[in-house]
Amino acid sequence: MEKVNVGGFCYSSLYQAGMSREEVEKKSEYFVDARAKLHGECFYGLFYEEREHKPLIEGSEDYLNAIKKLLKLML
């Protein structure tokens, strides 16, 4: 199976959608970090470490709002 560079895909998608380079870097880093830390047991609701996962959950609102804004511009 071919390995996909998720960070690269996220970065290029956000940049092509019109985000500034600085914002793209922050959002793609968040995406990769959240994907790495929240996948697996935490994703399926089996494990949640407050100290480790709470900052990622709290940061999701900013990330999702940025994505919603881009989608509205595209539609």
N, C-alpha and C. Protein backbone atom coordinates (compact mmCIF):
# COMPACT_ATOMS: atom_id res chain seq x y z
N MET A 1 0.84 -1.18 0.00
CA MET A 1 0.00 0.00 0.00
C MET A 1 0.89 1.25 0.00
N GLU A 2 0.55 2.22 -0.81
CA GLU A 2 1.33 3.45 -0.93
C GLU A 2 1.07 4.37 0.25
N LYS A 3 2.15 4.90 0.82
CA LYS A 3 2.03 5.81 1.95
C LYS A 3 1.75 7.22 1.42
N VAL A 4 0.76 7.89 2.00
CA VAL A 4 0.36 9.23 1.56
C VAL A 4 0.87 10.25 2.56
N ASN A 5 1.44 11.35 2.07
CA ASN A 5 1.90 12.44 2.92
C ASN A 5 0.69 13.31 3.26
N VAL A 6 0.08 13.02 4.39
CA VAL A 6 -1.14 13.72 4.80
C VAL A 6 -0.88 15.20 5.03
N GLY A 7 0.23 15.53 5.66
CA GLY A 7 0.56 16.93 5.90
C GLY A 7 0.69 17.69 4.60
N GLY A 8 1.33 17.06 3.60
CA GLY A 8 1.49 17.70 2.30
C GLY A 8 0.16 17.91 1.61
N PHE A 9 -0.71 16.91 1.70
CA PHE A 9 -2.04 17.02 1.10
C PHE A 9 -2.84 18.13 1.76
N CYS A 10 -2.83 18.15 3.07
CA CYS A 10 -3.56 19.18 3.82
C CYS A 10 -3.00 20.55 3.50
N TYR A 11 -1.68 20.68 3.51
CA TYR A 11 -1.02 21.96 3.23
C TYR A 11 -1.40 22.47 1.84
N SER A 12 -1.24 21.63 0.84
CA SER A 12 -1.51 22.09 -0.52
C SER A 12 -3.00 22.40 -0.73
N SER A 13 -3.88 21.64 -0.11
CA SER A 13 -5.32 21.88 -0.25
C SER A 13 -5.72 23.22 0.36
N LEU A 14 -5.23 23.50 1.55
CA LEU A 14 -5.56 24.76 2.21
C LEU A 14 -4.96 25.95 1.47
N TYR A 15 -3.75 25.78 0.97
CA TYR A 15 -3.10 26.86 0.24
C TYR A 15 -3.83 27.15 -1.07
N GLN A 16 -4.22 26.11 -1.78
CA GLN A 16 -4.94 26.27 -3.03
C GLN A 16 -6.32 26.88 -2.81
N ALA A 17 -6.87 26.67 -1.61
CA ALA A 17 -8.19 27.22 -1.30
C ALA A 17 -8.13 28.70 -0.94
N GLY A 18 -6.91 29.24 -0.79
CA GLY A 18 -6.79 30.68 -0.57
C GLY A 18 -6.31 31.12 0.79
N MET A 19 -5.92 30.21 1.66
CA MET A 19 -5.40 30.60 2.97
C MET A 19 -3.99 31.17 2.82
N SER A 20 -3.65 32.07 3.73
CA SER A 20 -2.29 32.63 3.73
C SER A 20 -1.30 31.53 4.11
N ARG A 21 -0.06 31.71 3.70
CA ARG A 21 0.97 30.70 3.96
C ARG A 21 1.13 30.45 5.47
N GLU A 22 1.10 31.50 6.27
CA GLU A 22 1.25 31.38 7.72
C GLU A 22 0.09 30.58 8.33
N GLU A 23 -1.13 30.89 7.89
CA GLU A 23 -2.30 30.18 8.41
C GLU A 23 -2.30 28.73 7.95
N VAL A 24 -1.88 28.49 6.72
CA VAL A 24 -1.80 27.13 6.19
C VAL A 24 -0.84 26.30 7.03
N GLU A 25 0.30 26.87 7.38
CA GLU A 25 1.28 26.15 8.19
C GLU A 25 0.70 25.77 9.55
N LYS A 26 0.02 26.71 10.20
CA LYS A 26 -0.58 26.44 11.51
C LYS A 26 -1.67 25.38 11.42
N LYS A 27 -2.54 25.52 10.43
CA LYS A 27 -3.67 24.60 10.31
C LYS A 27 -3.21 23.19 9.90
N SER A 28 -2.25 23.10 9.00
CA SER A 28 -1.81 21.77 8.59
C SER A 28 -1.02 21.09 9.71
N GLU A 29 -0.27 21.86 10.50
CA GLU A 29 0.41 21.28 11.66
C GLU A 29 -0.61 20.76 12.66
N TYR A 30 -1.67 21.54 12.90
CA TYR A 30 -2.73 21.09 13.81
C TYR A 30 -3.36 19.81 13.30
N PHE A 31 -3.67 19.76 12.00
CA PHE A 31 -4.31 18.59 11.42
C PHE A 31 -3.45 17.34 11.62
N VAL A 32 -2.17 17.45 11.30
CA VAL A 32 -1.27 16.30 11.43
C VAL A 32 -1.12 15.89 12.89
N ASP A 33 -1.00 16.85 13.79
CA ASP A 33 -0.87 16.56 15.21
C ASP A 33 -2.13 15.89 15.75
N ALA A 34 -3.28 16.45 15.42
CA ALA A 34 -4.54 15.87 15.89
C ALA A 34 -4.76 14.48 15.32
N ARG A 35 -4.45 14.30 14.06
CA ARG A 35 -4.61 12.99 13.43
C ARG A 35 -3.72 11.95 14.11
N ALA A 36 -2.50 12.33 14.41
CA ALA A 36 -1.57 11.39 15.03
C ALA A 36 -1.98 11.04 16.46
N LYS A 37 -2.38 12.05 17.23
CA LYS A 37 -2.67 11.82 18.64
C LYS A 37 -4.08 11.32 18.92
N LEU A 38 -5.03 11.66 18.06
CA LEU A 38 -6.42 11.29 18.33
C LEU A 38 -6.87 10.04 17.59
N HIS A 39 -6.00 9.48 16.79
CA HIS A 39 -6.37 8.28 16.06
C HIS A 39 -6.22 7.06 16.98
N GLY A 40 -6.83 5.99 16.65
CA GLY A 40 -6.69 4.77 17.45
C GLY A 40 -7.71 4.70 18.56
N GLU A 41 -7.24 4.32 19.75
CA GLU A 41 -8.15 4.10 20.87
C GLU A 41 -8.95 5.35 21.23
N CYS A 42 -8.32 6.51 21.19
CA CYS A 42 -9.03 7.74 21.53
C CYS A 42 -10.13 8.02 20.51
N PHE A 43 -9.82 7.81 19.24
CA PHE A 43 -10.79 8.03 18.17
C PHE A 43 -12.03 7.16 18.36
N TYR A 44 -11.84 5.95 18.81
CA TYR A 44 -12.95 5.02 18.98
C TYR A 44 -13.57 5.10 20.38
N GLY A 45 -13.17 6.07 21.17
CA GLY A 45 -13.77 6.28 22.48
C GLY A 45 -13.28 5.36 23.57
N LEU A 46 -12.19 4.66 23.34
CA LEU A 46 -11.70 3.71 24.33
C LEU A 46 -10.69 4.33 25.30
N PHE A 47 -10.08 5.42 24.91
CA PHE A 47 -9.01 6.01 25.71
C PHE A 47 -9.00 7.52 25.53
N TYR A 48 -8.92 8.25 26.62
CA TYR A 48 -8.84 9.70 26.54
C TYR A 48 -7.97 10.20 27.68
N GLU A 49 -6.90 10.86 27.36
CA GLU A 49 -5.98 11.41 28.36
C GLU A 49 -6.18 12.92 28.38
N GLU A 50 -6.82 13.42 29.43
CA GLU A 50 -7.19 14.83 29.53
C GLU A 50 -6.02 15.77 29.22
N ARG A 51 -4.91 15.57 29.87
CA ARG A 51 -3.77 16.47 29.72
C ARG A 51 -3.23 16.48 28.28
N GLU A 52 -3.21 15.34 27.64
CA GLU A 52 -2.66 15.24 26.29
C GLU A 52 -3.66 15.65 25.20
N HIS A 53 -4.91 15.25 25.34
CA HIS A 53 -5.88 15.42 24.26
C HIS A 53 -6.73 16.68 24.35
N LYS A 54 -6.90 17.23 25.54
CA LYS A 54 -7.77 18.40 25.70
C LYS A 54 -7.33 19.59 24.84
N PRO A 55 -6.03 19.93 24.78
CA PRO A 55 -5.63 21.06 23.92
C PRO A 55 -5.97 20.85 22.44
N LEU A 56 -5.89 19.61 21.99
CA LEU A 56 -6.25 19.32 20.60
C LEU A 56 -7.75 19.49 20.37
N ILE A 57 -8.54 19.04 21.31
CA ILE A 57 -9.99 19.17 21.21
C ILE A 57 -10.37 20.66 21.23
N GLU A 58 -9.76 21.42 22.11
CA GLU A 58 -10.05 22.85 22.20
C GLU A 58 -9.63 23.60 20.93
N GLY A 59 -8.55 23.16 20.31
CA GLY A 59 -8.08 23.80 19.08
C GLY A 59 -8.91 23.47 17.87
N SER A 60 -9.77 22.48 17.99
CA SER A 60 -10.56 22.06 16.84
C SER A 60 -11.55 23.13 16.38
N GLU A 61 -12.05 23.94 17.29
CA GLU A 61 -13.02 24.97 16.90
C GLU A 61 -12.40 25.96 15.91
N ASP A 62 -11.19 26.41 16.20
CA ASP A 62 -10.50 27.34 15.30
C ASP A 62 -10.25 26.69 13.95
N TYR A 63 -9.80 25.45 13.96
CA TYR A 63 -9.52 24.72 12.72
C TYR A 63 -10.79 24.55 11.88
N LEU A 64 -11.85 24.10 12.51
CA LEU A 64 -13.10 23.87 11.79
C LEU A 64 -13.72 25.17 11.28
N ASN A 65 -13.62 26.24 12.05
CA ASN A 65 -14.13 27.53 11.57
C ASN A 65 -13.38 28.01 10.34
N ALA A 66 -12.08 27.79 10.30
CA ALA A 66 -11.28 28.18 9.14
C ALA A 66 -11.69 27.37 7.91
N ILE A 67 -11.94 26.09 8.10
CA ILE A 67 -12.37 25.22 7.00
C ILE A 67 -13.76 25.64 6.50
N LYS A 68 -14.67 25.93 7.43
CA LYS A 68 -16.02 26.38 7.04
C LYS A 68 -15.95 27.66 6.22
N LYS A 69 -15.10 28.59 6.65
CA LYS A 69 -14.94 29.85 5.94
C LYS A 69 -14.45 29.60 4.51
N LEU A 70 -13.49 28.72 4.34
CA LEU A 70 -12.99 28.39 3.00
C LEU A 70 -14.07 27.75 2.14
N LEU A 71 -14.84 26.86 2.73
CA LEU A 71 -15.90 26.20 1.98
C LEU A 71 -16.97 27.20 1.51
N LYS A 72 -17.31 28.14 2.36
CA LYS A 72 -18.28 29.16 1.97
C LYS A 72 -17.77 30.00 0.81
N LEU A 73 -16.49 30.31 0.82
CA LEU A 73 -15.89 31.07 -0.28
C LEU A 73 -15.90 30.29 -1.58
N MET A 74 -15.74 28.99 -1.49
CA MET A 74 -15.66 28.14 -2.67
C MET A 74 -17.04 27.84 -3.26
N LEU A 75 -18.07 27.88 -2.43
CA LEU A 75 -19.42 27.54 -2.91
C LEU A 75 -20.13 28.75 -3.32
